[in-house]
């Protein structure tokens, strides 16, 4: 499987960093970015060694919002998905 080009992720000492990496498109959010962010949230909930998720961005802007040029891909990618109802969030504990 090819590495994603819309975002980067890294881990260091319990911190999972998810970085938007579409500076040429002002970090407009693509379906691949949503899928990657969803995976990062689930991983944070599943792994005891990860304590924090940092969402960052490369370039001039954090994000311009949803990339409307990818509108056809959005339906398949996000159908039935809500970050607030992610099963991992219910497992998070404040410490």
C-alpha atoms as a PDB file:
ATOM      1  CA  UNK A   1       0.000   0.000   0.000  1.00  0.00           C
ATOM      2  CA  UNK A   2       1.348   3.435  -0.952  1.00  0.00           C
ATOM      3  CA  UNK A   3       2.075   6.023   1.692  1.00  0.00           C
ATOM      4  CA  UNK A   4      -0.574   8.779   1.850  1.00  0.00           C
ATOM      5  CA  UNK A   5       0.443  12.129   0.396  1.00  0.00           C
ATOM      6  CA  UNK A   6      -2.383  14.241   1.876  1.00  0.00           C
ATOM      7  CA  UNK A   7      -1.158  13.806   5.445  1.00  0.00           C
ATOM      8  CA  UNK A   8       1.712  12.588   7.582  1.00  0.00           C
ATOM      9  CA  UNK A   9       1.639  10.886  10.955  1.00  0.00           C
ATOM     10  CA  UNK A  10       4.343  10.299  13.495  1.00  0.00           C
ATOM     11  CA  UNK A  11       4.726   9.006  17.039  1.00  0.00           C
ATOM     12  CA  UNK A  12       7.066  10.173  19.745  1.00  0.00           C
ATOM     13  CA  UNK A  13       6.950   9.442  23.465  1.00  0.00           C
ATOM     14  CA  UNK A  14       3.195   8.832  23.689  1.00  0.00           C
ATOM     15  CA  UNK A  15       2.264  11.631  21.285  1.00  0.00           C
ATOM     16  CA  UNK A  16       0.630  10.778  17.959  1.00  0.00           C
ATOM     17  CA  UNK A  17       0.909  13.698  15.512  1.00  0.00           C
ATOM     18  CA  UNK A  18      -1.364  13.884  12.477  1.00  0.00           C
ATOM     19  CA  UNK A  19      -0.275  16.588  10.005  1.00  0.00           C
ATOM     20  CA  UNK A  20      -2.310  17.936   7.092  1.00  0.00           C
ATOM     21  CA  UNK A  21       0.117  18.051   4.137  1.00  0.00           C
ATOM     22  CA  UNK A  22      -1.710  19.649   1.195  1.00  0.00           C
ATOM     23  CA  UNK A  23      -0.207  23.129   1.206  1.00  0.00           C
ATOM     24  CA  UNK A  24      -0.793  23.569  -2.538  1.00  0.00           C
ATOM     25  CA  UNK A  25      -4.542  23.142  -1.860  1.00  0.00           C
ATOM     26  CA  UNK A  26      -4.445  25.171   1.377  1.00  0.00           C
ATOM     27  CA  UNK A  27      -4.824  21.891   3.275  1.00  0.00           C
ATOM     28  CA  UNK A  28      -8.361  21.411   1.948  1.00  0.00           C
ATOM     29  CA  UNK A  29      -9.582  18.226   3.610  1.00  0.00           C
ATOM     30  CA  UNK A  30      -9.772  15.190   1.333  1.00  0.00           C
ATOM     31  CA  UNK A  31     -11.523  11.876   1.990  1.00  0.00           C
ATOM     32  CA  UNK A  32      -8.075  10.301   2.515  1.00  0.00           C
ATOM     33  CA  UNK A  33      -7.385  12.836   5.278  1.00  0.00           C
ATOM     34  CA  UNK A  34     -10.676  11.995   7.020  1.00  0.00           C
ATOM     35  CA  UNK A  35      -9.911   8.281   6.763  1.00  0.00           C
ATOM     36  CA  UNK A  36      -6.415   8.869   8.177  1.00  0.00           C
ATOM     37  CA  UNK A  37      -7.727  11.028  11.009  1.00  0.00           C
ATOM     38  CA  UNK A  38     -10.390   8.447  11.825  1.00  0.00           C
ATOM     39  CA  UNK A  39      -7.664   5.762  12.009  1.00  0.00           C
ATOM     40  CA  UNK A  40      -5.560   8.000  14.276  1.00  0.00           C
ATOM     41  CA  UNK A  41      -8.492   8.581  16.666  1.00  0.00           C
ATOM     42  CA  UNK A  42      -9.216   4.855  16.788  1.00  0.00           C
ATOM     43  CA  UNK A  43      -5.546   4.057  17.370  1.00  0.00           C
ATOM     44  CA  UNK A  44      -5.397   6.554  20.235  1.00  0.00           C
ATOM     45  CA  UNK A  45      -8.343   4.799  21.853  1.00  0.00           C
ATOM     46  CA  UNK A  46      -6.918   1.330  21.298  1.00  0.00           C
ATOM     47  CA  UNK A  47      -3.333   1.829  22.481  1.00  0.00           C
ATOM     48  CA  UNK A  48      -2.412   2.528  26.096  1.00  0.00           C
ATOM     49  CA  UNK A  49       1.037   3.834  25.119  1.00  0.00           C
ATOM     50  CA  UNK A  50      -0.463   6.771  23.172  1.00  0.00           C
ATOM     51  CA  UNK A  51      -1.664   9.608  25.390  1.00  0.00           C
ATOM     52  CA  UNK A  52      -2.169  12.601  23.061  1.00  0.00           C
ATOM     53  CA  UNK A  53      -3.251  13.270  19.486  1.00  0.00           C
ATOM     54  CA  UNK A  54      -1.882  16.488  17.996  1.00  0.00           C
ATOM     55  CA  UNK A  55      -3.483  17.715  14.771  1.00  0.00           C
ATOM     56  CA  UNK A  56      -1.119  20.017  12.887  1.00  0.00           C
ATOM     57  CA  UNK A  57      -0.721  21.436   9.381  1.00  0.00           C
ATOM     58  CA  UNK A  58       2.057  22.295   6.962  1.00  0.00           C
ATOM     59  CA  UNK A  59       2.054  25.541   5.020  1.00  0.00           C
ATOM     60  CA  UNK A  60       0.330  28.877   5.301  1.00  0.00           C
ATOM     61  CA  UNK A  61      -3.092  27.744   6.553  1.00  0.00           C
ATOM     62  CA  UNK A  62      -4.331  25.083   8.931  1.00  0.00           C
ATOM     63  CA  UNK A  63      -7.157  24.153   6.534  1.00  0.00           C
ATOM     64  CA  UNK A  64      -9.438  25.754   3.965  1.00  0.00           C
ATOM     65  CA  UNK A  65     -12.188  23.267   4.882  1.00  0.00           C
ATOM     66  CA  UNK A  66     -13.544  20.403   2.806  1.00  0.00           C
ATOM     67  CA  UNK A  67     -12.165  19.989  -0.712  1.00  0.00           C
ATOM     68  CA  UNK A  68     -15.348  20.371  -2.764  1.00  0.00           C
ATOM     69  CA  UNK A  69     -13.521  19.211  -5.913  1.00  0.00           C
ATOM     70  CA  UNK A  70     -13.544  15.711  -4.395  1.00  0.00           C
ATOM     71  CA  UNK A  71     -17.313  15.731  -3.810  1.00  0.00           C
ATOM     72  CA  UNK A  72     -17.901  12.363  -5.505  1.00  0.00           C
ATOM     73  CA  UNK A  73     -15.498  10.616  -3.170  1.00  0.00           C
ATOM     74  CA  UNK A  74     -17.043  12.111  -0.022  1.00  0.00           C
ATOM     75  CA  UNK A  75     -20.214  10.035  -0.032  1.00  0.00           C
ATOM     76  CA  UNK A  76     -18.405   6.697  -0.022  1.00  0.00           C
ATOM     77  CA  UNK A  77     -15.713   7.800   2.405  1.00  0.00           C
ATOM     78  CA  UNK A  78     -17.827   9.412   5.113  1.00  0.00           C
ATOM     79  CA  UNK A  79     -21.175   7.628   4.902  1.00  0.00           C
ATOM     80  CA  UNK A  80     -22.462   6.954   8.393  1.00  0.00           C
ATOM     81  CA  UNK A  81     -19.389   8.464  10.041  1.00  0.00           C
ATOM     82  CA  UNK A  82     -19.375  10.919  12.898  1.00  0.00           C
ATOM     83  CA  UNK A  83     -16.190  11.674  14.793  1.00  0.00           C
ATOM     84  CA  UNK A  84     -18.302  12.203  17.924  1.00  0.00           C
ATOM     85  CA  UNK A  85     -19.746   8.703  17.735  1.00  0.00           C
ATOM     86  CA  UNK A  86     -16.424   6.953  17.145  1.00  0.00           C
ATOM     87  CA  UNK A  87     -16.210   3.885  19.355  1.00  0.00           C
ATOM     88  CA  UNK A  88     -12.742   4.897  20.534  1.00  0.00           C
ATOM     89  CA  UNK A  89     -13.916   8.168  22.032  1.00  0.00           C
ATOM     90  CA  UNK A  90     -16.176   6.367  24.489  1.00  0.00           C
ATOM     91  CA  UNK A  91     -13.117   4.483  25.811  1.00  0.00           C
ATOM     92  CA  UNK A  92     -11.045   7.594  26.491  1.00  0.00           C
ATOM     93  CA  UNK A  93     -10.477   8.383  30.130  1.00  0.00           C
ATOM     94  CA  UNK A  94      -9.466  11.705  31.579  1.00  0.00           C
ATOM     95  CA  UNK A  95      -6.412  11.312  33.753  1.00  0.00           C
END
